[in-house]
Amino acid sequence: MAWNNHRWDDHSASVNGDIKFFFNKPLRILNMLIILEGAMIFYQLYSLICSKKWHQTISLALILFSDYYAFFKLLRDRIVLGKAYSYSNSSSDQKVS
């Protein structure tokens, strides 16, 4: 195998940078999931409005109900974690002063 130490270090540094992008700010992942879930809900609402047959309407309504529940849980987690991180940041700022 032709991996010398220099190439392996460059590769691991780029992978660590990619991972650090997501886990440096934990709320970033929740924000992305909320945006994705919101886009899916709007698409399904559009599909529900455009549906003509009764079985399509019922199945889309059931799917939307489950998506609303998942969206609610994501928003609730986002609000709680946002408050927790703002509290920890404010308490660490007070300790420094």
PDB file of N, CA and C in Angstrom:
ATOM      1  N   MET A   1       0.845  -1.168   0.000  1.00  0.00           N
ATOM      2  CA  MET A   1       0.000   0.000   0.000  1.00  0.00           C
ATOM      3  C   MET A   1       0.891   1.231   0.000  1.00  0.00           C
ATOM      4  N   ALA A   2       0.498   2.230  -0.747  1.00  0.00           N
ATOM      5  CA  ALA A   2       1.351   3.381  -0.963  1.00  0.00           C
ATOM      6  C   ALA A   2       1.014   4.557  -0.055  1.00  0.00           C
ATOM      7  N   TRP A   3       0.412   4.298   1.072  1.00  0.00           N
ATOM      8  CA  TRP A   3       0.078   5.396   1.966  1.00  0.00           C
ATOM      9  C   TRP A   3       1.284   5.724   2.842  1.00  0.00           C
ATOM     10  N   ASN A   4       1.833   6.881   2.668  1.00  0.00           N
ATOM     11  CA  ASN A   4       2.857   7.310   3.606  1.00  0.00           C
ATOM     12  C   ASN A   4       2.184   8.158   4.683  1.00  0.00           C
ATOM     13  N   ASN A   5       2.897   8.505   5.686  1.00  0.00           N
ATOM     14  CA  ASN A   5       2.310   9.228   6.821  1.00  0.00           C
ATOM     15  C   ASN A   5       1.744  10.582   6.414  1.00  0.00           C
ATOM     16  N   HIS A   6       2.374  11.225   5.457  1.00  0.00           N
ATOM     17  CA  HIS A   6       1.927  12.560   5.048  1.00  0.00           C
ATOM     18  C   HIS A   6       0.537  12.489   4.400  1.00  0.00           C
ATOM     19  N   ARG A   7       0.318  11.553   3.512  1.00  0.00           N
ATOM     20  CA  ARG A   7      -0.982  11.442   2.853  1.00  0.00           C
ATOM     21  C   ARG A   7      -2.079  11.038   3.843  1.00  0.00           C
ATOM     22  N   TRP A   8      -1.773  10.141   4.743  1.00  0.00           N
ATOM     23  CA  TRP A   8      -2.775   9.703   5.708  1.00  0.00           C
ATOM     24  C   TRP A   8      -3.175  10.847   6.630  1.00  0.00           C
ATOM     25  N   ASP A   9      -2.202  11.670   7.053  1.00  0.00           N
ATOM     26  CA  ASP A   9      -2.511  12.809   7.911  1.00  0.00           C
ATOM     27  C   ASP A   9      -3.403  13.809   7.190  1.00  0.00           C
ATOM     28  N   ASP A  10      -3.157  14.051   5.905  1.00  0.00           N
ATOM     29  CA  ASP A  10      -3.995  14.977   5.146  1.00  0.00           C
ATOM     30  C   ASP A  10      -5.416  14.445   5.047  1.00  0.00           C
ATOM     31  N   HIS A  11      -5.551  13.149   4.809  1.00  0.00           N
ATOM     32  CA  HIS A  11      -6.881  12.555   4.690  1.00  0.00           C
ATOM     33  C   HIS A  11      -7.633  12.619   6.017  1.00  0.00           C
ATOM     34  N   SER A  12      -6.972  12.276   7.105  1.00  0.00           N
ATOM     35  CA  SER A  12      -7.652  12.289   8.403  1.00  0.00           C
ATOM     36  C   SER A  12      -7.987  13.708   8.821  1.00  0.00           C
ATOM     37  N   ALA A  13      -7.168  14.681   8.440  1.00  0.00           N
ATOM     38  CA  ALA A  13      -7.459  16.069   8.772  1.00  0.00           C
ATOM     39  C   ALA A  13      -8.700  16.554   8.029  1.00  0.00           C
ATOM     40  N   SER A  14      -8.861  16.146   6.772  1.00  0.00           N
ATOM     41  CA  SER A  14     -10.049  16.580   6.036  1.00  0.00           C
ATOM     42  C   SER A  14     -11.304  15.889   6.564  1.00  0.00           C
ATOM     43  N   VAL A  15     -11.186  14.636   6.957  1.00  0.00           N
ATOM     44  CA  VAL A  15     -12.347  13.935   7.525  1.00  0.00           C
ATOM     45  C   VAL A  15     -12.714  14.553   8.866  1.00  0.00           C
ATOM     46  N   ASN A  16     -11.729  14.862   9.700  1.00  0.00           N
ATOM     47  CA  ASN A  16     -12.004  15.498  10.985  1.00  0.00           C
ATOM     48  C   ASN A  16     -12.639  16.860  10.801  1.00  0.00           C
ATOM     49  N   GLY A  17     -12.244  17.585   9.771  1.00  0.00           N
ATOM     50  CA  GLY A  17     -12.855  18.885   9.491  1.00  0.00           C
ATOM     51  C   GLY A  17     -14.304  18.743   9.092  1.00  0.00           C
ATOM     52  N   ASP A  18     -14.626  17.709   8.304  1.00  0.00           N
ATOM     53  CA  ASP A  18     -16.013  17.482   7.903  1.00  0.00           C
ATOM     54  C   ASP A  18     -16.870  17.101   9.104  1.00  0.00           C
ATOM     55  N   ILE A  19     -16.353  16.248   9.953  1.00  0.00           N
ATOM     56  CA  ILE A  19     -17.099  15.829  11.137  1.00  0.00           C
ATOM     57  C   ILE A  19     -17.236  17.000  12.103  1.00  0.00           C
ATOM     58  N   LYS A  20     -16.202  17.795  12.228  1.00  0.00           N
ATOM     59  CA  LYS A  20     -16.240  18.935  13.132  1.00  0.00           C
ATOM     60  C   LYS A  20     -17.273  19.957  12.676  1.00  0.00           C
ATOM     61  N   PHE A  21     -17.523  20.053  11.353  1.00  0.00           N
ATOM     62  CA  PHE A  21     -18.534  20.974  10.841  1.00  0.00           C
ATOM     63  C   PHE A  21     -19.902  20.644  11.418  1.00  0.00           C
ATOM     64  N   PHE A  22     -20.248  19.360  11.516  1.00  0.00           N
ATOM     65  CA  PHE A  22     -21.558  18.978  12.028  1.00  0.00           C
ATOM     66  C   PHE A  22     -21.626  19.012  13.548  1.00  0.00           C
ATOM     67  N   PHE A  23     -20.573  18.611  14.230  1.00  0.00           N
ATOM     68  CA  PHE A  23     -20.644  18.457  15.674  1.00  0.00           C
ATOM     69  C   PHE A  23     -20.031  19.619  16.438  1.00  0.00           C
ATOM     70  N   ASN A  24     -19.519  20.628  15.731  1.00  0.00           N
ATOM     71  CA  ASN A  24     -19.014  21.805  16.411  1.00  0.00           C
ATOM     72  C   ASN A  24     -20.171  22.577  17.042  1.00  0.00           C
ATOM     73  N   LYS A  25     -21.284  22.679  16.312  1.00  0.00           N
ATOM     74  CA  LYS A  25     -22.503  23.313  16.817  1.00  0.00           C
ATOM     75  C   LYS A  25     -23.621  22.277  16.716  1.00  0.00           C
ATOM     76  N   PRO A  26     -24.012  21.665  17.820  1.00  0.00           N
ATOM     77  CA  PRO A  26     -24.988  20.568  17.771  1.00  0.00           C
ATOM     78  C   PRO A  26     -26.355  20.979  17.232  1.00  0.00           C
ATOM     79  N   LEU A  27     -26.730  22.231  17.357  1.00  0.00           N
ATOM     80  CA  LEU A  27     -28.032  22.666  16.862  1.00  0.00           C
ATOM     81  C   LEU A  27     -28.078  22.694  15.338  1.00  0.00           C
ATOM     82  N   ARG A  28     -26.929  22.668  14.697  1.00  0.00           N
ATOM     83  CA  ARG A  28     -26.877  22.692  13.232  1.00  0.00           C
ATOM     84  C   ARG A  28     -27.569  21.461  12.635  1.00  0.00           C
ATOM     85  N   ILE A  29     -27.374  20.311  13.242  1.00  0.00           N
ATOM     86  CA  ILE A  29     -28.002  19.087  12.740  1.00  0.00           C
ATOM     87  C   ILE A  29     -29.519  19.173  12.902  1.00  0.00           C
ATOM     88  N   LEU A  30     -29.976  19.652  14.054  1.00  0.00           N
ATOM     89  CA  LEU A  30     -31.414  19.798  14.265  1.00  0.00           C
ATOM     90  C   LEU A  30     -32.021  20.797  13.288  1.00  0.00           C
ATOM     91  N   ASN A  31     -31.319  21.890  13.018  1.00  0.00           N
ATOM     92  CA  ASN A  31     -31.826  22.874  12.062  1.00  0.00           C
ATOM     93  C   ASN A  31     -31.961  22.265  10.669  1.00  0.00           C
ATOM     94  N   MET A  32     -30.984  21.471  10.261  1.00  0.00           N
ATOM     95  CA  MET A  32     -31.062  20.816   8.945  1.00  0.00           C
ATOM     96  C   MET A  32     -32.228  19.835   8.888  1.00  0.00           C
ATOM     97  N   LEU A  33     -32.432  19.077   9.967  1.00  0.00           N
ATOM     98  CA  LEU A  33     -33.550  18.129  10.002  1.00  0.00           C
ATOM     99  C   LEU A  33     -34.898  18.845   9.978  1.00  0.00           C
ATOM    100  N   ILE A  34     -34.996  19.982  10.655  1.00  0.00           N
ATOM    101  CA  ILE A  34     -36.239  20.748  10.654  1.00  0.00           C
ATOM    102  C   ILE A  34     -36.532  21.292   9.262  1.00  0.00           C
ATOM    103  N   ILE A  35     -35.514  21.791   8.577  1.00  0.00           N
ATOM    104  CA  ILE A  35     -35.706  22.292   7.215  1.00  0.00           C
ATOM    105  C   ILE A  35     -36.128  21.161   6.283  1.00  0.00           C
ATOM    106  N   LEU A  36     -35.478  20.017   6.402  1.00  0.00           N
ATOM    107  CA  LEU A  36     -35.831  18.874   5.564  1.00  0.00           C
ATOM    108  C   LEU A  36     -37.263  18.393   5.833  1.00  0.00           C
ATOM    109  N   GLU A  37     -37.629  18.303   7.092  1.00  0.00           N
ATOM    110  CA  GLU A  37     -38.978  17.864   7.454  1.00  0.00           C
ATOM    111  C   GLU A  37     -40.022  18.881   7.004  1.00  0.00           C
ATOM    112  N   GLY A  38     -39.728  20.163   7.143  1.00  0.00           N
ATOM    113  CA  GLY A  38     -40.656  21.201   6.681  1.00  0.00           C
ATOM    114  C   GLY A  38     -40.858  21.155   5.176  1.00  0.00           C
ATOM    115  N   ALA A  39     -39.782  20.942   4.424  1.00  0.00           N
ATOM    116  CA  ALA A  39     -39.900  20.826   2.969  1.00  0.00           C
ATOM    117  C   ALA A  39     -40.738  19.607   2.594  1.00  0.00           C
ATOM    118  N   MET A  40     -40.566  18.511   3.307  1.00  0.00           N
ATOM    119  CA  MET A  40     -41.339  17.312   3.022  1.00  0.00           C
ATOM    120  C   MET A  40     -42.822  17.542   3.330  1.00  0.00           C
ATOM    121  N   ILE A  41     -43.114  18.253   4.399  1.00  0.00           N
ATOM    122  CA  ILE A  41     -44.509  18.541   4.744  1.00  0.00           C
ATOM    123  C   ILE A  41     -45.156  19.417   3.671  1.00  0.00           C
ATOM    124  N   PHE A  42     -44.443  20.442   3.200  1.00  0.00           N
ATOM    125  CA  PHE A  42     -45.017  21.302   2.169  1.00  0.00           C
ATOM    126  C   PHE A  42     -45.240  20.545   0.868  1.00  0.00           C
ATOM    127  N   TYR A  43     -44.323  19.655   0.525  1.00  0.00           N
ATOM    128  CA  TYR A  43     -44.520  18.842  -0.676  1.00  0.00           C
ATOM    129  C   TYR A  43     -45.741  17.927  -0.527  1.00  0.00           C
ATOM    130  N   GLN A  44     -45.894  17.332   0.636  1.00  0.00           N
ATOM    131  CA  GLN A  44     -47.033  16.449   0.850  1.00  0.00           C
ATOM    132  C   GLN A  44     -48.350  17.223   0.902  1.00  0.00           C
ATOM    133  N   LEU A  45     -48.331  18.442   1.440  1.00  0.00           N
ATOM    134  CA  LEU A  45     -49.527  19.270   1.390  1.00  0.00           C
ATOM    135  C   LEU A  45     -49.907  19.599  -0.050  1.00  0.00           C
ATOM    136  N   TYR A  46     -48.906  19.907  -0.856  1.00  0.00           N
ATOM    137  CA  TYR A  46     -49.152  20.171  -2.272  1.00  0.00           C
ATOM    138  C   TYR A  46     -49.726  18.931  -2.957  1.00  0.00           C
ATOM    139  N   SER A  47     -49.168  17.776  -2.659  1.00  0.00           N
ATOM    140  CA  SER A  47     -49.687  16.532  -3.232  1.00  0.00           C
ATOM    141  C   SER A  47     -51.110  16.261  -2.760  1.00  0.00           C
ATOM    142  N   LEU A  48     -51.401  16.596  -1.507  1.00  0.00           N
ATOM    143  CA  LEU A  48     -52.746  16.403  -0.969  1.00  0.00           C
ATOM    144  C   LEU A  48     -53.755  17.298  -1.681  1.00  0.00           C
ATOM    145  N   ILE A  49     -53.357  18.530  -1.961  1.00  0.00           N
ATOM    146  CA  ILE A  49     -54.240  19.457  -2.665  1.00  0.00           C
ATOM    147  C   ILE A  49     -54.483  18.993  -4.098  1.00  0.00           C
ATOM    148  N   CYS A  50     -53.470  18.432  -4.729  1.00  0.00           N
ATOM    149  CA  CYS A  50     -53.590  18.002  -6.127  1.00  0.00           C
ATOM    150  C   CYS A  50     -54.209  16.618  -6.288  1.00  0.00           C
ATOM    151  N   SER A  51     -54.393  15.872  -5.204  1.00  0.00           N
ATOM    152  CA  SER A  51     -54.916  14.511  -5.340  1.00  0.00           C
ATOM    153  C   SER A  51     -56.400  14.542  -5.687  1.00  0.00           C
ATOM    154  N   LYS A  52     -56.811  13.619  -6.548  1.00  0.00           N
ATOM    155  CA  LYS A  52     -58.193  13.569  -7.030  1.00  0.00           C
ATOM    156  C   LYS A  52     -58.972  12.384  -6.468  1.00  0.00           C
ATOM    157  N   LYS A  53     -58.297  11.332  -6.086  1.00  0.00           N
ATOM    158  CA  LYS A  53     -58.978  10.111  -5.646  1.00  0.00           C
ATOM    159  C   LYS A  53     -59.008  10.059  -4.120  1.00  0.00           C
ATOM    160  N   TRP A  54     -60.057   9.443  -3.583  1.00  0.00           N
ATOM    161  CA  TRP A  54     -60.255   9.434  -2.144  1.00  0.00           C
ATOM    162  C   TRP A  54     -59.194   8.637  -1.411  1.00  0.00           C
ATOM    163  N   HIS A  55     -58.695   7.550  -2.005  1.00  0.00           N
ATOM    164  CA  HIS A  55     -57.691   6.749  -1.306  1.00  0.00           C
ATOM    165  C   HIS A  55     -56.348   7.471  -1.245  1.00  0.00           C
ATOM    166  N   GLN A  56     -56.058   8.305  -2.243  1.00  0.00           N
ATOM    167  CA  GLN A  56     -54.835   9.118  -2.185  1.00  0.00           C
ATOM    168  C   GLN A  56     -54.949  10.170  -1.084  1.00  0.00           C
ATOM    169  N   THR A  57     -56.112  10.761  -0.962  1.00  0.00           N
ATOM    170  CA  THR A  57     -56.326  11.785   0.056  1.00  0.00           C
ATOM    171  C   THR A  57     -56.180  11.205   1.459  1.00  0.00           C
ATOM    172  N   ILE A  58     -56.773  10.047   1.689  1.00  0.00           N
ATOM    173  CA  ILE A  58     -56.695   9.429   3.017  1.00  0.00           C
ATOM    174  C   ILE A  58     -55.258   9.026   3.348  1.00  0.00           C
ATOM    175  N   SER A  59     -54.564   8.426   2.400  1.00  0.00           N
ATOM    176  CA  SER A  59     -53.194   7.979   2.688  1.00  0.00           C
ATOM    177  C   SER A  59     -52.264   9.174   2.905  1.00  0.00           C
ATOM    178  N   LEU A  60     -52.419  10.230   2.115  1.00  0.00           N
ATOM    179  CA  LEU A  60     -51.584  11.417   2.323  1.00  0.00           C
ATOM    180  C   LEU A  60     -51.908  12.109   3.644  1.00  0.00           C
ATOM    181  N   ALA A  61     -53.184  12.102   4.028  1.00  0.00           N
ATOM    182  CA  ALA A  61     -53.549  12.716   5.309  1.00  0.00           C
ATOM    183  C   ALA A  61     -52.925  11.951   6.478  1.00  0.00           C
ATOM    184  N   LEU A  62     -52.899  10.633   6.397  1.00  0.00           N
ATOM    185  CA  LEU A  62     -52.273   9.842   7.463  1.00  0.00           C
ATOM    186  C   LEU A  62     -50.765  10.064   7.511  1.00  0.00           C
ATOM    187  N   ILE A  63     -50.153  10.147   6.358  1.00  0.00           N
ATOM    188  CA  ILE A  63     -48.710  10.406   6.314  1.00  0.00           C
ATOM    189  C   ILE A  63     -48.401  11.795   6.861  1.00  0.00           C
ATOM    190  N   LEU A  64     -49.227  12.776   6.498  1.00  0.00           N
ATOM    191  CA  LEU A  64     -49.018  14.125   7.010  1.00  0.00           C
ATOM    192  C   LEU A  64     -49.169  14.186   8.523  1.00  0.00           C
ATOM    193  N   PHE A  65     -50.116  13.441   9.058  1.00  0.00           N
ATOM    194  CA  PHE A  65     -50.278  13.415  10.510  1.00  0.00           C
ATOM    195  C   PHE A  65     -49.007  12.931  11.192  1.00  0.00           C
ATOM    196  N   SER A  66     -48.402  11.882  10.671  1.00  0.00           N
ATOM    197  CA  SER A  66     -47.162  11.385  11.273  1.00  0.00           C
ATOM    198  C   SER A  66     -46.014  12.372  11.071  1.00  0.00           C
ATOM    199  N   ASP A  67     -45.995  13.060   9.940  1.00  0.00           N
ATOM    200  CA  ASP A  67     -44.947  14.061   9.716  1.00  0.00           C
ATOM    201  C   ASP A  67     -45.113  15.271  10.623  1.00  0.00           C
ATOM    202  N   TYR A  68     -46.366  15.664  10.880  1.00  0.00           N
ATOM    203  CA  TYR A  68     -46.594  16.767  11.819  1.00  0.00           C
ATOM    204  C   TYR A  68     -46.079  16.400  13.205  1.00  0.00           C
ATOM    205  N   TYR A  69     -46.287  15.163  13.603  1.00  0.00           N
ATOM    206  CA  TYR A  69     -45.810  14.724  14.911  1.00  0.00           C
ATOM    207  C   TYR A  69     -44.277  14.739  14.971  1.00  0.00           C
ATOM    208  N   ALA A  70     -43.629  14.254  13.922  1.00  0.00           N
ATOM    209  CA  ALA A  70     -42.158  14.270  13.882  1.00  0.00           C
ATOM    210  C   ALA A  70     -41.643  15.706  13.868  1.00  0.00           C
ATOM    211  N   PHE A  71     -42.317  16.582  13.122  1.00  0.00           N
ATOM    212  CA  PHE A  71     -41.928  17.994  13.057  1.00  0.00           C
ATOM    213  C   PHE A  71     -42.076  18.650  14.430  1.00  0.00           C
ATOM    214  N   PHE A  72     -43.173  18.347  15.118  1.00  0.00           N
ATOM    215  CA  PHE A  72     -43.385  18.875  16.468  1.00  0.00           C
ATOM    216  C   PHE A  72     -42.268  18.423  17.411  1.00  0.00           C
ATOM    217  N   LYS A  73     -41.905  17.157  17.366  1.00  0.00           N
ATOM    218  CA  LYS A  73     -40.849  16.658  18.246  1.00  0.00           C
ATOM    219  C   LYS A  73     -39.502  17.310  17.929  1.00  0.00           C
ATOM    220  N   LEU A  74     -39.197  17.506  16.631  1.00  0.00           N
ATOM    221  CA  LEU A  74     -37.945  18.167  16.263  1.00  0.00           C
ATOM    222  C   LEU A  74     -37.913  19.610  16.758  1.00  0.00           C
ATOM    223  N   LEU A  75     -39.030  20.329  16.580  1.00  0.00           N
ATOM    224  CA  LEU A  75     -39.072  21.718  17.049  1.00  0.00           C
ATOM    225  C   LEU A  75     -38.963  21.801  18.567  1.00  0.00           C
ATOM    226  N   ARG A  76     -39.622  20.876  19.268  1.00  0.00           N
ATOM    227  CA  ARG A  76     -39.539  20.866  20.723  1.00  0.00           C
ATOM    228  C   ARG A  76     -38.103  20.609  21.184  1.00  0.00           C
ATOM    229  N   ASP A  77     -37.439  19.647  20.569  1.00  0.00           N
ATOM    230  CA  ASP A  77     -36.042  19.364  20.915  1.00  0.00           C
ATOM    231  C   ASP A  77     -35.149  20.552  20.595  1.00  0.00           C
ATOM    232  N   ARG A  78     -35.428  21.214  19.483  1.00  0.00           N
ATOM    233  CA  ARG A  78     -34.620  22.376  19.084  1.00  0.00           C
ATOM    234  C   ARG A  78     -34.762  23.503  20.101  1.00  0.00           C
ATOM    235  N   ILE A  79     -35.988  23.742  20.559  1.00  0.00           N
ATOM    236  CA  ILE A  79     -36.217  24.821  21.528  1.00  0.00           C
ATOM    237  C   ILE A  79     -35.548  24.491  22.860  1.00  0.00           C
ATOM    238  N   VAL A  80     -35.694  23.266  23.321  1.00  0.00           N
ATOM    239  CA  VAL A  80     -35.100  22.870  24.604  1.00  0.00           C
ATOM    240  C   VAL A  80     -33.577  22.921  24.531  1.00  0.00           C
ATOM    241  N   LEU A  81     -32.989  22.361  23.467  1.00  0.00           N
ATOM    242  CA  LEU A  81     -31.529  22.383  23.355  1.00  0.00           C
ATOM    243  C   LEU A  81     -30.995  23.792  23.139  1.00  0.00           C
ATOM    244  N   GLY A  82     -31.744  24.613  22.415  1.00  0.00           N
ATOM    245  CA  GLY A  82     -31.327  26.007  22.230  1.00  0.00           C
ATOM    246  C   GLY A  82     -31.267  26.744  23.548  1.00  0.00           C
ATOM    247  N   LYS A  83     -32.260  26.520  24.401  1.00  0.00           N
ATOM    248  CA  LYS A  83     -32.242  27.159  25.722  1.00  0.00           C
ATOM    249  C   LYS A  83     -31.130  26.598  26.591  1.00  0.00           C
ATOM    250  N   ALA A  84     -30.894  25.295  26.504  1.00  0.00           N
ATOM    251  CA  ALA A  84     -29.843  24.683  27.311  1.00  0.00           C
ATOM    252  C   ALA A  84     -28.463  25.204  26.900  1.00  0.00           C
ATOM    253  N   TYR A  85     -28.215  25.310  25.595  1.00  0.00           N
ATOM    254  CA  TYR A  85     -26.921  25.809  25.144  1.00  0.00           C
ATOM    255  C   TYR A  85     -26.759  27.291  25.416  1.00  0.00           C
ATOM    256  N   SER A  86     -27.828  28.060  25.337  1.00  0.00           N
ATOM    257  CA  SER A  86     -27.699  29.490  25.653  1.00  0.00           C
ATOM    258  C   SER A  86     -27.444  29.673  27.143  1.00  0.00           C
ATOM    259  N   TYR A  87     -28.053  28.820  27.983  1.00  0.00           N
ATOM    260  CA  TYR A  87     -27.803  28.882  29.421  1.00  0.00           C
ATOM    261  C   TYR A  87     -26.363  28.511  29.738  1.00  0.00           C
ATOM    262  N   SER A  88     -25.840  27.463  29.079  1.00  0.00           N
ATOM    263  CA  SER A  88     -24.457  27.051  29.363  1.00  0.00           C
ATOM    264  C   SER A  88     -23.475  28.091  28.855  1.00  0.00           C
ATOM    265  N   ASN A  89     -23.783  28.754  27.741  1.00  0.00           N
ATOM    266  CA  ASN A  89     -22.899  29.812  27.240  1.00  0.00           C
ATOM    267  C   ASN A  89     -22.923  31.022  28.140  1.00  0.00           C
ATOM    268  N   SER A  90     -24.102  31.387  28.660  1.00  0.00           N
ATOM    269  CA  SER A  90     -24.179  32.554  29.551  1.00  0.00           C
ATOM    270  C   SER A  90     -23.516  32.274  30.885  1.00  0.00           C
ATOM    271  N   SER A  91     -23.623  31.049  31.390  1.00  0.00           N
ATOM    272  CA  SER A  91     -22.978  30.731  32.665  1.00  0.00           C
ATOM    273  C   SER A  91     -21.464  30.654  32.499  1.00  0.00           C
ATOM    274  N   SER A  92     -20.982  30.206  31.364  1.00  0.00           N
ATOM    275  CA  SER A  92     -19.531  30.181  31.157  1.00  0.00           C
ATOM    276  C   SER A  92     -18.985  31.578  30.944  1.00  0.00           C
ATOM    277  N   ASP A  93     -19.789  32.484  30.358  1.00  0.00           N
ATOM    278  CA  ASP A  93     -19.358  33.876  30.216  1.00  0.00           C
ATOM    279  C   ASP A  93     -19.291  34.564  31.579  1.00  0.00           C
ATOM    280  N   GLN A  94     -20.198  34.233  32.497  1.00  0.00           N
ATOM    281  CA  GLN A  94     -20.176  34.819  33.822  1.00  0.00           C
ATOM    282  C   GLN A  94     -19.000  34.312  34.635  1.00  0.00           C
ATOM    283  N   LYS A  95     -18.580  33.068  34.421  1.00  0.00           N
ATOM    284  CA  LYS A  95     -17.438  32.515  35.145  1.00  0.00           C
ATOM    285  C   LYS A  95     -16.137  33.191  34.720  1.00  0.00           C
ATOM    286  N   VAL A  96     -16.060  33.579  33.429  1.00  0.00           N
ATOM    287  CA  VAL A  96     -14.856  34.216  32.916  1.00  0.00           C
ATOM    288  C   VAL A  96     -14.698  35.616  33.489  1.00  0.00           C
ATOM    289  N   SER A  97     -15.804  36.332  33.681  1.00  0.00           N
ATOM    290  CA  SER A  97     -15.758  37.721  34.178  1.00  0.00           C
ATOM    291  C   SER A  97     -15.272  37.826  35.578  1.00  0.00           C
TER     292      SER A  97
END
